[in-house]
């Protein structure tokens, strides 16, 4: 949807299937006691995703839910692993410093049920729309360089 000549809103929808398969036939048992966890599993779960992007001339803000379902891998046995609901929020802009030089700060927030949320902050520089360099810091001590 066009708001004006410099601002747009985009909505994204996606539907699909996630496949999970575990073949336990090759696992070695150290005793003859039956183990219910050594069950072959094969499951296909539906997946629906939605995203929203607001884009302005030099800035953008987005939010996304790439997995709307918290589906189980098996109904027969307890498995802690699931296709969990994710949520992403991102924002970024470009500040022109000189004619051919821009600074591009950005922020990305991600949260997943049952996992600690992460925040990534980055500052990139761009020269003549050809060369980029910068640094990014993520909670949990991850650092990236470009």
Protein backbone atom coordinates (compact mmCIF):
# COMPACT_ATOMS: atom_id res chain seq x y z
CA UNK A 1 0.00 0.00 0.00
CA UNK A 2 1.39 3.40 -0.95
CA UNK A 3 0.99 6.05 1.75
CA UNK A 4 2.66 8.79 -0.31
CA UNK A 5 5.52 9.00 -2.82
CA UNK A 6 8.09 8.19 -0.12
CA UNK A 7 6.31 5.81 2.28
CA UNK A 8 5.00 2.30 1.70
CA UNK A 9 3.52 -0.50 3.81
CA UNK A 10 3.96 -4.12 2.76
CA UNK A 11 2.19 -7.16 4.18
CA UNK A 12 3.61 -10.61 3.65
CA UNK A 13 1.84 -13.93 4.13
CA UNK A 14 3.35 -17.38 3.69
CA UNK A 15 1.97 -20.85 4.03
CA UNK A 16 3.95 -24.04 4.02
CA UNK A 17 4.82 -27.31 5.69
CA UNK A 18 7.63 -28.26 8.07
CA UNK A 19 8.86 -31.82 7.84
CA UNK A 20 10.40 -33.74 10.75
CA UNK A 21 11.80 -37.24 10.47
CA UNK A 22 13.84 -39.29 12.96
CA UNK A 23 15.07 -42.76 12.06
CA UNK A 24 16.17 -44.60 15.22
CA UNK A 25 16.92 -47.94 13.51
CA UNK A 26 20.69 -47.32 13.57
CA UNK A 27 20.86 -46.44 17.29
CA UNK A 28 22.78 -48.98 19.37
CA UNK A 29 21.19 -50.29 22.59
CA UNK A 30 23.38 -51.31 25.52
CA UNK A 31 20.72 -53.53 27.10
CA UNK A 32 17.53 -55.31 26.07
CA UNK A 33 15.17 -52.98 27.93
CA UNK A 34 12.65 -51.46 25.52
CA UNK A 35 13.10 -47.72 25.06
CA UNK A 36 9.99 -45.78 24.00
CA UNK A 37 12.18 -42.89 22.85
CA UNK A 38 13.65 -45.13 20.13
CA UNK A 39 10.54 -44.75 18.03
CA UNK A 40 10.79 -43.77 14.38
CA UNK A 41 9.07 -40.44 13.87
CA UNK A 42 7.79 -38.83 10.74
CA UNK A 43 5.55 -35.80 10.83
CA UNK A 44 4.54 -32.90 8.63
CA UNK A 45 3.29 -29.78 10.41
CA UNK A 46 1.59 -26.76 8.83
CA UNK A 47 3.33 -23.42 9.01
CA UNK A 48 1.83 -19.98 8.44
CA UNK A 49 3.92 -16.80 8.58
CA UNK A 50 3.03 -13.13 8.53
CA UNK A 51 5.19 -10.02 8.22
CA UNK A 52 4.73 -6.27 8.02
CA UNK A 53 7.18 -3.72 6.61
CA UNK A 54 6.93 0.06 6.77
CA UNK A 55 9.43 1.58 4.37
CA UNK A 56 10.19 5.26 4.10
CA UNK A 57 12.72 6.99 1.87
CA UNK A 58 15.65 6.33 4.23
CA UNK A 59 14.12 4.27 7.07
CA UNK A 60 12.35 0.99 7.59
CA UNK A 61 10.56 -0.80 10.42
CA UNK A 62 9.42 -4.41 10.24
CA UNK A 63 7.78 -7.07 12.37
CA UNK A 64 7.42 -10.74 11.53
CA UNK A 65 5.95 -13.93 12.95
CA UNK A 66 7.56 -16.63 10.79
CA UNK A 67 5.93 -19.46 12.74
CA UNK A 68 2.42 -18.95 14.04
CA UNK A 69 1.96 -22.50 15.35
CA UNK A 70 3.59 -24.20 18.34
CA UNK A 71 3.34 -27.73 16.95
CA UNK A 72 4.48 -31.00 18.52
CA UNK A 73 6.81 -33.48 16.89
CA UNK A 74 4.87 -36.48 18.27
CA UNK A 75 1.57 -37.08 20.05
CA UNK A 76 2.60 -40.51 21.34
CA UNK A 77 5.82 -39.73 23.23
CA UNK A 78 7.11 -36.63 25.01
CA UNK A 79 9.57 -34.67 22.90
CA UNK A 80 10.71 -31.30 24.18
CA UNK A 81 11.64 -30.01 20.70
CA UNK A 82 8.84 -28.09 18.97
CA UNK A 83 8.29 -25.71 16.12
CA UNK A 84 7.98 -22.70 18.43
CA UNK A 85 6.43 -19.32 17.68
CA UNK A 86 9.08 -16.71 16.77
CA UNK A 87 8.75 -12.91 16.77
CA UNK A 88 11.13 -10.50 15.04
CA UNK A 89 11.22 -6.70 15.14
CA UNK A 90 13.73 -4.69 13.12
CA UNK A 91 14.37 -1.03 12.43
CA UNK A 92 17.03 0.76 10.48
CA UNK A 93 17.80 4.00 8.74
CA UNK A 94 20.44 5.67 6.60
CA UNK A 95 22.05 8.99 7.54
CA UNK A 96 23.83 10.77 4.70
CA UNK A 97 27.09 12.20 6.08
CA UNK A 98 28.60 13.42 2.81
CA UNK A 99 27.55 13.10 -0.80
CA UNK A 100 28.90 9.55 -1.20
CA UNK A 101 29.01 8.39 2.43
CA UNK A 102 26.18 7.06 4.63
CA UNK A 103 25.90 5.64 8.14
CA UNK A 104 23.31 2.87 8.51
CA UNK A 105 22.38 1.95 12.09
CA UNK A 106 19.98 -0.95 12.63
CA UNK A 107 18.37 -2.83 15.48
CA UNK A 108 16.96 -6.38 15.42
CA UNK A 109 15.03 -7.96 18.30
CA UNK A 110 14.14 -11.66 18.33
CA UNK A 111 12.17 -13.64 20.85
CA UNK A 112 11.12 -17.27 20.91
CA UNK A 113 9.05 -18.94 23.59
CA UNK A 114 11.34 -20.79 26.00
CA UNK A 115 14.56 -19.17 24.73
CA UNK A 116 16.27 -15.99 25.92
CA UNK A 117 15.51 -13.00 23.67
CA UNK A 118 18.31 -11.50 21.62
CA UNK A 119 19.02 -7.96 20.47
CA UNK A 120 21.43 -7.12 17.68
CA UNK A 121 22.72 -3.60 17.20
CA UNK A 122 24.77 -2.75 14.15
CA UNK A 123 26.34 0.29 12.57
CA UNK A 124 27.37 0.03 8.93
CA UNK A 125 29.00 2.63 6.75
CA UNK A 126 28.45 2.75 3.03
CA UNK A 127 30.64 4.49 0.46
CA UNK A 128 29.26 5.24 -3.01
CA UNK A 129 26.67 2.44 -2.62
CA UNK A 130 29.52 0.01 -3.47
CA UNK A 131 31.55 -0.55 -0.32
CA UNK A 132 30.17 -1.39 3.11
CA UNK A 133 31.93 -1.89 6.42
CA UNK A 134 30.83 -1.87 10.02
CA UNK A 135 30.31 -3.73 13.26
CA UNK A 136 27.40 -5.56 14.88
CA UNK A 137 26.92 -6.61 18.50
CA UNK A 138 24.42 -9.24 19.65
CA UNK A 139 23.43 -10.14 23.18
CA UNK A 140 25.26 -13.28 24.21
CA UNK A 141 28.67 -11.86 23.24
CA UNK A 142 28.44 -12.31 19.45
CA UNK A 143 30.25 -9.72 17.35
CA UNK A 144 30.25 -9.40 13.58
CA UNK A 145 32.39 -7.37 11.22
CA UNK A 146 31.79 -6.59 7.60
